[in-house]
Amino acid sequence: MRKPVAVLLGLGLVAAAFAGLALAVVLGVLTASIVAVARMTGRLQPAMVRTAREDGRGGSGTPRQYRVWNDGRGTIIDM
């Protein structure tokens, strides 16, 4: 009686392993296809970052003035 139960449990484990591998393959193919479509349609472009103005308002305004000087130990760039 124990031998048929062991065989059935072994077959169940093999079937579960194959089902897990099949699920991993399906998810991998689905993810790769979504990424490929997004790249081909141009939806994976980096977003443009807008800098803040010096007067505190948002948006892109005049470029900031940077102060650069050398204090004898190295160059300092004040942004």
PDB file of N, CA and C in Angstrom:
ATOM      1  N   MET A   1       0.819  -1.196   0.000  1.00  0.00           N
ATOM      2  CA  MET A   1       0.000   0.000   0.000  1.00  0.00           C
ATOM      3  C   MET A   1       0.859   1.254   0.000  1.00  0.00           C
ATOM      4  N   ARG A   2       1.977   1.214   0.648  1.00  0.00           N
ATOM      5  CA  ARG A   2       2.820   2.407   0.724  1.00  0.00           C
ATOM      6  C   ARG A   2       3.485   2.724  -0.613  1.00  0.00           C
ATOM      7  N   LYS A   3       3.799   1.695  -1.359  1.00  0.00           N
ATOM      8  CA  LYS A   3       4.498   1.915  -2.627  1.00  0.00           C
ATOM      9  C   LYS A   3       3.639   2.684  -3.641  1.00  0.00           C
ATOM     10  N   PRO A   4       2.368   2.339  -3.855  1.00  0.00           N
ATOM     11  CA  PRO A   4       1.552   3.125  -4.795  1.00  0.00           C
ATOM     12  C   PRO A   4       1.366   4.582  -4.338  1.00  0.00           C
ATOM     13  N   VAL A   5       1.244   4.780  -3.045  1.00  0.00           N
ATOM     14  CA  VAL A   5       1.097   6.149  -2.522  1.00  0.00           C
ATOM     15  C   VAL A   5       2.380   6.933  -2.772  1.00  0.00           C
ATOM     16  N   ALA A   6       3.521   6.307  -2.573  1.00  0.00           N
ATOM     17  CA  ALA A   6       4.794   6.977  -2.811  1.00  0.00           C
ATOM     18  C   ALA A   6       4.969   7.314  -4.288  1.00  0.00           C
ATOM     19  N   VAL A   7       4.540   6.408  -5.147  1.00  0.00           N
ATOM     20  CA  VAL A   7       4.639   6.662  -6.586  1.00  0.00           C
ATOM     21  C   VAL A   7       3.744   7.823  -6.978  1.00  0.00           C
ATOM     22  N   LEU A   8       2.522   7.839  -6.472  1.00  0.00           N
ATOM     23  CA  LEU A   8       1.597   8.928  -6.783  1.00  0.00           C
ATOM     24  C   LEU A   8       2.113  10.274  -6.244  1.00  0.00           C
ATOM     25  N   LEU A   9       2.667  10.266  -5.049  1.00  0.00           N
ATOM     26  CA  LEU A   9       3.216  11.501  -4.497  1.00  0.00           C
ATOM     27  C   LEU A   9       4.435  11.972  -5.291  1.00  0.00           C
ATOM     28  N   GLY A  10       5.249  11.032  -5.736  1.00  0.00           N
ATOM     29  CA  GLY A  10       6.403  11.383  -6.562  1.00  0.00           C
ATOM     30  C   GLY A  10       5.980  11.976  -7.892  1.00  0.00           C
ATOM     31  N   LEU A  11       4.978  11.382  -8.522  1.00  0.00           N
ATOM     32  CA  LEU A  11       4.463  11.929  -9.779  1.00  0.00           C
ATOM     33  C   LEU A  11       3.842  13.311  -9.564  1.00  0.00           C
ATOM     34  N   GLY A  12       3.193  13.489  -8.424  1.00  0.00           N
ATOM     35  CA  GLY A  12       2.617  14.802  -8.107  1.00  0.00           C
ATOM     36  C   GLY A  12       3.693  15.865  -7.944  1.00  0.00           C
ATOM     37  N   LEU A  13       4.791  15.500  -7.307  1.00  0.00           N
ATOM     38  CA  LEU A  13       5.896  16.446  -7.150  1.00  0.00           C
ATOM     39  C   LEU A  13       6.523  16.790  -8.498  1.00  0.00           C
ATOM     40  N   VAL A  14       6.678  15.807  -9.367  1.00  0.00           N
ATOM     41  CA  VAL A  14       7.233  16.066 -10.700  1.00  0.00           C
ATOM     42  C   VAL A  14       6.300  16.974 -11.484  1.00  0.00           C
ATOM     43  N   ALA A  15       4.992  16.716 -11.406  1.00  0.00           N
ATOM     44  CA  ALA A  15       4.018  17.554 -12.106  1.00  0.00           C
ATOM     45  C   ALA A  15       4.040  18.982 -11.552  1.00  0.00           C
ATOM     46  N   ALA A  16       4.163  19.128 -10.259  1.00  0.00           N
ATOM     47  CA  ALA A  16       4.219  20.466  -9.659  1.00  0.00           C
ATOM     48  C   ALA A  16       5.488  21.200 -10.082  1.00  0.00           C
ATOM     49  N   ALA A  17       6.590  20.478 -10.186  1.00  0.00           N
ATOM     50  CA  ALA A  17       7.839  21.109 -10.626  1.00  0.00           C
ATOM     51  C   ALA A  17       7.714  21.588 -12.067  1.00  0.00           C
ATOM     52  N   PHE A  18       7.128  20.757 -12.940  1.00  0.00           N
ATOM     53  CA  PHE A  18       6.948  21.170 -14.329  1.00  0.00           C
ATOM     54  C   PHE A  18       5.977  22.349 -14.434  1.00  0.00           C
ATOM     55  N   ALA A  19       4.947  22.358 -13.613  1.00  0.00           N
ATOM     56  CA  ALA A  19       3.991  23.476 -13.629  1.00  0.00           C
ATOM     57  C   ALA A  19       4.679  24.768 -13.181  1.00  0.00           C
ATOM     58  N   GLY A  20       5.536  24.670 -12.196  1.00  0.00           N
ATOM     59  CA  GLY A  20       6.277  25.856 -11.743  1.00  0.00           C
ATOM     60  C   GLY A  20       7.216  26.374 -12.804  1.00  0.00           C
ATOM     61  N   LEU A  21       7.909  25.478 -13.473  1.00  0.00           N
ATOM     62  CA  LEU A  21       8.798  25.896 -14.567  1.00  0.00           C
ATOM     63  C   LEU A  21       8.012  26.508 -15.710  1.00  0.00           C
ATOM     64  N   ALA A  22       6.858  25.924 -16.040  1.00  0.00           N
ATOM     65  CA  ALA A  22       6.032  26.468 -17.115  1.00  0.00           C
ATOM     66  C   ALA A  22       5.541  27.869 -16.749  1.00  0.00           C
ATOM     67  N   LEU A  23       5.145  28.067 -15.511  1.00  0.00           N
ATOM     68  CA  LEU A  23       4.700  29.394 -15.062  1.00  0.00           C
ATOM     69  C   LEU A  23       5.841  30.402 -15.141  1.00  0.00           C
ATOM     70  N   ALA A  24       7.043  29.998 -14.758  1.00  0.00           N
ATOM     71  CA  ALA A  24       8.193  30.906 -14.827  1.00  0.00           C
ATOM     72  C   ALA A  24       8.499  31.277 -16.275  1.00  0.00           C
ATOM     73  N   VAL A  25       8.411  30.321 -17.182  1.00  0.00           N
ATOM     74  CA  VAL A  25       8.674  30.604 -18.602  1.00  0.00           C
ATOM     75  C   VAL A  25       7.609  31.544 -19.153  1.00  0.00           C
ATOM     76  N   VAL A  26       6.344  31.299 -18.821  1.00  0.00           N
ATOM     77  CA  VAL A  26       5.266  32.168 -19.310  1.00  0.00           C
ATOM     78  C   VAL A  26       5.440  33.588 -18.782  1.00  0.00           C
ATOM     79  N   LEU A  27       5.754  33.740 -17.515  1.00  0.00           N
ATOM     80  CA  LEU A  27       5.949  35.079 -16.943  1.00  0.00           C
ATOM     81  C   LEU A  27       7.166  35.771 -17.555  1.00  0.00           C
ATOM     82  N   GLY A  28       8.228  35.022 -17.807  1.00  0.00           N
ATOM     83  CA  GLY A  28       9.412  35.608 -18.435  1.00  0.00           C
ATOM     84  C   GLY A  28       9.132  36.090 -19.845  1.00  0.00           C
ATOM     85  N   VAL A  29       8.429  35.282 -20.625  1.00  0.00           N
ATOM     86  CA  VAL A  29       8.095  35.677 -21.995  1.00  0.00           C
ATOM     87  C   VAL A  29       7.151  36.875 -21.984  1.00  0.00           C
ATOM     88  N   LEU A  30       6.192  36.885 -21.092  1.00  0.00           N
ATOM     89  CA  LEU A  30       5.262  38.013 -20.998  1.00  0.00           C
ATOM     90  C   LEU A  30       5.986  39.301 -20.626  1.00  0.00           C
ATOM     91  N   THR A  31       6.880  39.224 -19.671  1.00  0.00           N
ATOM     92  CA  THR A  31       7.641  40.408 -19.260  1.00  0.00           C
ATOM     93  C   THR A  31       8.546  40.899 -20.385  1.00  0.00           C
ATOM     94  N   ALA A  32       9.219  39.987 -21.049  1.00  0.00           N
ATOM     95  CA  ALA A  32      10.096  40.384 -22.152  1.00  0.00           C
ATOM     96  C   ALA A  32       9.309  41.017 -23.285  1.00  0.00           C
ATOM     97  N   SER A  33       8.135  40.501 -23.575  1.00  0.00           N
ATOM     98  CA  SER A  33       7.334  41.091 -24.653  1.00  0.00           C
ATOM     99  C   SER A  33       6.811  42.466 -24.264  1.00  0.00           C
ATOM    100  N   ILE A  34       6.438  42.661 -23.018  1.00  0.00           N
ATOM    101  CA  ILE A  34       5.973  43.980 -22.578  1.00  0.00           C
ATOM    102  C   ILE A  34       7.102  45.000 -22.667  1.00  0.00           C
ATOM    103  N   VAL A  35       8.292  44.618 -22.238  1.00  0.00           N
ATOM    104  CA  VAL A  35       9.439  45.525 -22.317  1.00  0.00           C
ATOM    105  C   VAL A  35       9.786  45.821 -23.768  1.00  0.00           C
ATOM    106  N   ALA A  36       9.728  44.820 -24.632  1.00  0.00           N
ATOM    107  CA  ALA A  36      10.045  45.035 -26.053  1.00  0.00           C
ATOM    108  C   ALA A  36       9.041  45.984 -26.693  1.00  0.00           C
ATOM    109  N   VAL A  37       7.762  45.814 -26.408  1.00  0.00           N
ATOM    110  CA  VAL A  37       6.744  46.708 -26.973  1.00  0.00           C
ATOM    111  C   VAL A  37       6.924  48.122 -26.437  1.00  0.00           C
ATOM    112  N   ALA A  38       7.217  48.260 -25.154  1.00  0.00           N
ATOM    113  CA  ALA A  38       7.412  49.589 -24.571  1.00  0.00           C
ATOM    114  C   ALA A  38       8.632  50.280 -25.174  1.00  0.00           C
ATOM    115  N   ARG A  39       9.683  49.527 -25.436  1.00  0.00           N
ATOM    116  CA  ARG A  39      10.873  50.139 -26.053  1.00  0.00           C
ATOM    117  C   ARG A  39      10.618  50.530 -27.498  1.00  0.00           C
ATOM    118  N   MET A  40       9.878  49.714 -28.229  1.00  0.00           N
ATOM    119  CA  MET A  40       9.611  50.024 -29.635  1.00  0.00           C
ATOM    120  C   MET A  40       8.661  51.202 -29.787  1.00  0.00           C
ATOM    121  N   THR A  41       7.741  51.374 -28.848  1.00  0.00           N
ATOM    122  CA  THR A  41       6.791  52.480 -28.945  1.00  0.00           C
ATOM    123  C   THR A  41       7.336  53.760 -28.316  1.00  0.00           C
ATOM    124  N   GLY A  42       8.484  53.686 -27.674  1.00  0.00           N
ATOM    125  CA  GLY A  42       9.096  54.884 -27.102  1.00  0.00           C
ATOM    126  C   GLY A  42       8.552  55.265 -25.744  1.00  0.00           C
ATOM    127  N   ARG A  43       7.940  54.350 -25.033  1.00  0.00           N
ATOM    128  CA  ARG A  43       7.378  54.681 -23.722  1.00  0.00           C
ATOM    129  C   ARG A  43       8.397  54.555 -22.591  1.00  0.00           C
ATOM    130  N   LEU A  44       9.582  54.072 -22.883  1.00  0.00           N
ATOM    131  CA  LEU A  44      10.601  53.938 -21.843  1.00  0.00           C
ATOM    132  C   LEU A  44      11.662  55.030 -21.964  1.00  0.00           C
ATOM    133  N   GLN A  45      11.268  56.202 -22.387  1.00  0.00           N
ATOM    134  CA  GLN A  45      12.203  57.311 -22.485  1.00  0.00           C
ATOM    135  C   GLN A  45      12.383  57.936 -21.102  1.00  0.00           C
ATOM    136  N   PRO A  46      13.570  58.415 -20.791  1.00  0.00           N
ATOM    137  CA  PRO A  46      13.765  59.044 -19.486  1.00  0.00           C
ATOM    138  C   PRO A  46      12.980  60.349 -19.396  1.00  0.00           C
ATOM    139  N   ALA A  47      12.450  60.628 -18.236  1.00  0.00           N
ATOM    140  CA  ALA A  47      11.681  61.849 -18.024  1.00  0.00           C
ATOM    141  C   ALA A  47      12.628  63.043 -17.902  1.00  0.00           C
ATOM    142  N   MET A  48      12.229  64.157 -18.464  1.00  0.00           N
ATOM    143  CA  MET A  48      13.021  65.376 -18.371  1.00  0.00           C
ATOM    144  C   MET A  48      12.807  66.004 -16.998  1.00  0.00           C
ATOM    145  N   VAL A  49      13.885  66.407 -16.376  1.00  0.00           N
ATOM    146  CA  VAL A  49      13.818  67.000 -15.043  1.00  0.00           C
ATOM    147  C   VAL A  49      13.855  68.505 -15.180  1.00  0.00           C
ATOM    148  N   ARG A  50      12.938  69.162 -14.508  1.00  0.00           N
ATOM    149  CA  ARG A  50      12.918  70.623 -14.531  1.00  0.00           C
ATOM    150  C   ARG A  50      13.587  71.147 -13.269  1.00  0.00           C
ATOM    151  N   THR A  51      14.390  72.180 -13.441  1.00  0.00           N
ATOM    152  CA  THR A  51      15.081  72.754 -12.302  1.00  0.00           C
ATOM    153  C   THR A  51      14.255  73.874 -11.707  1.00  0.00           C
ATOM    154  N   ALA A  52      14.464  74.145 -10.433  1.00  0.00           N
ATOM    155  CA  ALA A  52      13.752  75.214  -9.754  1.00  0.00           C
ATOM    156  C   ALA A  52      14.451  76.544 -10.020  1.00  0.00           C
ATOM    157  N   ARG A  53      13.672  77.591 -10.106  1.00  0.00           N
ATOM    158  CA  ARG A  53      14.240  78.923 -10.289  1.00  0.00           C
ATOM    159  C   ARG A  53      14.807  79.429  -8.973  1.00  0.00           C
ATOM    160  N   GLU A  54      15.621  80.451  -9.086  1.00  0.00           N
ATOM    161  CA  GLU A  54      16.227  80.993  -7.875  1.00  0.00           C
ATOM    162  C   GLU A  54      15.217  81.743  -7.013  1.00  0.00           C
ATOM    163  N   ASP A  55      14.128  82.237  -7.615  1.00  0.00           N
ATOM    164  CA  ASP A  55      13.155  82.995  -6.838  1.00  0.00           C
ATOM    165  C   ASP A  55      12.159  82.084  -6.117  1.00  0.00           C
ATOM    166  N   GLY A  56      12.355  80.758  -6.201  1.00  0.00           N
ATOM    167  CA  GLY A  56      11.514  79.841  -5.454  1.00  0.00           C
ATOM    168  C   GLY A  56      10.392  79.246  -6.265  1.00  0.00           C
ATOM    169  N   ARG A  57      10.067  79.835  -7.397  1.00  0.00           N
ATOM    170  CA  ARG A  57       9.006  79.280  -8.222  1.00  0.00           C
ATOM    171  C   ARG A  57       9.555  78.092  -9.007  1.00  0.00           C
ATOM    172  N   GLY A  58       8.679  77.185  -9.343  1.00  0.00           N
ATOM    173  CA  GLY A  58       9.102  76.023 -10.104  1.00  0.00           C
ATOM    174  C   GLY A  58       9.251  76.354 -11.575  1.00  0.00           C
ATOM    175  N   GLY A  59       9.685  75.388 -12.347  1.00  0.00           N
ATOM    176  CA  GLY A  59       9.826  75.572 -13.784  1.00  0.00           C
ATOM    177  C   GLY A  59      11.251  75.860 -14.175  1.00  0.00           C
ATOM    178  N   SER A  60      11.458  75.974 -15.450  1.00  0.00           N
ATOM    179  CA  SER A  60      12.811  76.244 -15.926  1.00  0.00           C
ATOM    180  C   SER A  60      12.933  77.723 -16.228  1.00  0.00           C
ATOM    181  N   GLY A  61      13.825  78.386 -15.561  1.00  0.00           N
ATOM    182  CA  GLY A  61      14.028  79.805 -15.772  1.00  0.00           C
ATOM    183  C   GLY A  61      15.424  80.077 -16.267  1.00  0.00           C
ATOM    184  N   THR A  62      15.967  81.171 -15.864  1.00  0.00           N
ATOM    185  CA  THR A  62      17.327  81.508 -16.264  1.00  0.00           C
ATOM    186  C   THR A  62      18.299  80.568 -15.561  1.00  0.00           C
ATOM    187  N   PRO A  63      19.398  80.248 -16.183  1.00  0.00           N
ATOM    188  CA  PRO A  63      20.355  79.351 -15.528  1.00  0.00           C
ATOM    189  C   PRO A  63      20.950  79.996 -14.283  1.00  0.00           C
ATOM    190  N   ARG A  64      21.205  79.183 -13.279  1.00  0.00           N
ATOM    191  CA  ARG A  64      21.773  79.690 -12.031  1.00  0.00           C
ATOM    192  C   ARG A  64      23.222  80.088 -12.233  1.00  0.00           C
ATOM    193  N   GLN A  65      23.657  81.029 -11.451  1.00  0.00           N
ATOM    194  CA  GLN A  65      25.047  81.465 -11.474  1.00  0.00           C
ATOM    195  C   GLN A  65      25.815  80.672 -10.427  1.00  0.00           C
ATOM    196  N   TYR A  66      26.864  80.038 -10.833  1.00  0.00           N
ATOM    197  CA  TYR A  66      27.684  79.258  -9.923  1.00  0.00           C
ATOM    198  C   TYR A  66      28.903  80.074  -9.528  1.00  0.00           C
ATOM    199  N   ARG A  67      29.281  79.950  -8.249  1.00  0.00           N
ATOM    200  CA  ARG A  67      30.492  80.613  -7.771  1.00  0.00           C
ATOM    201  C   ARG A  67      31.585  79.559  -7.658  1.00  0.00           C
ATOM    202  N   VAL A  68      32.713  79.827  -8.273  1.00  0.00           N
ATOM    203  CA  VAL A  68      33.841  78.901  -8.259  1.00  0.00           C
ATOM    204  C   VAL A  68      35.062  79.653  -7.763  1.00  0.00           C
ATOM    205  N   TRP A  69      35.743  79.113  -6.756  1.00  0.00           N
ATOM    206  CA  TRP A  69      36.971  79.731  -6.292  1.00  0.00           C
ATOM    207  C   TRP A  69      37.898  78.670  -5.717  1.00  0.00           C
ATOM    208  N   ASN A  70      39.134  79.048  -5.545  1.00  0.00           N
ATOM    209  CA  ASN A  70      40.138  78.138  -5.019  1.00  0.00           C
ATOM    210  C   ASN A  70      40.604  78.697  -3.683  1.00  0.00           C
ATOM    211  N   ASP A  71      40.475  77.919  -2.617  1.00  0.00           N
ATOM    212  CA  ASP A  71      40.862  78.398  -1.283  1.00  0.00           C
ATOM    213  C   ASP A  71      42.262  77.937  -0.895  1.00  0.00           C
ATOM    214  N   GLY A  72      43.046  77.439  -1.836  1.00  0.00           N
ATOM    215  CA  GLY A  72      44.392  76.986  -1.539  1.00  0.00           C
ATOM    216  C   GLY A  72      44.474  75.506  -1.260  1.00  0.00           C
ATOM    217  N   ARG A  73      43.349  74.902  -0.869  1.00  0.00           N
ATOM    218  CA  ARG A  73      43.312  73.455  -0.628  1.00  0.00           C
ATOM    219  C   ARG A  73      42.602  72.710  -1.739  1.00  0.00           C
ATOM    220  N   GLY A  74      41.897  73.423  -2.602  1.00  0.00           N
ATOM    221  CA  GLY A  74      41.174  72.785  -3.702  1.00  0.00           C
ATOM    222  C   GLY A  74      40.117  73.724  -4.238  1.00  0.00           C
ATOM    223  N   THR A  75      39.563  73.379  -5.349  1.00  0.00           N
ATOM    224  CA  THR A  75      38.552  74.213  -5.988  1.00  0.00           C
ATOM    225  C   THR A  75      37.206  73.974  -5.328  1.00  0.00           C
ATOM    226  N   ILE A  76      36.487  75.059  -5.047  1.00  0.00           N
ATOM    227  CA  ILE A  76      35.170  74.992  -4.439  1.00  0.00           C
ATOM    228  C   ILE A  76      34.164  75.495  -5.462  1.00  0.00           C
ATOM    229  N   ILE A  77      33.130  74.719  -5.674  1.00  0.00           N
ATOM    230  CA  ILE A  77      32.066  75.112  -6.592  1.00  0.00           C
ATOM    231  C   ILE A  77      30.791  75.247  -5.767  1.00  0.00           C
ATOM    232  N   ASP A  78      30.276  76.464  -5.650  1.00  0.00           N
ATOM    233  CA  ASP A  78      29.069  76.734  -4.892  1.00  0.00           C
ATOM    234  C   ASP A  78      27.894  76.716  -5.834  1.00  0.00           C
ATOM    235  N   MET A  79      27.013  75.741  -5.660  1.00  0.00           N
ATOM    236  CA  MET A  79      25.851  75.642  -6.548  1.00  0.00           C
ATOM    237  C   MET A  79      24.661  76.208  -5.840  1.00  0.00           C
TER     238      MET A  79
END
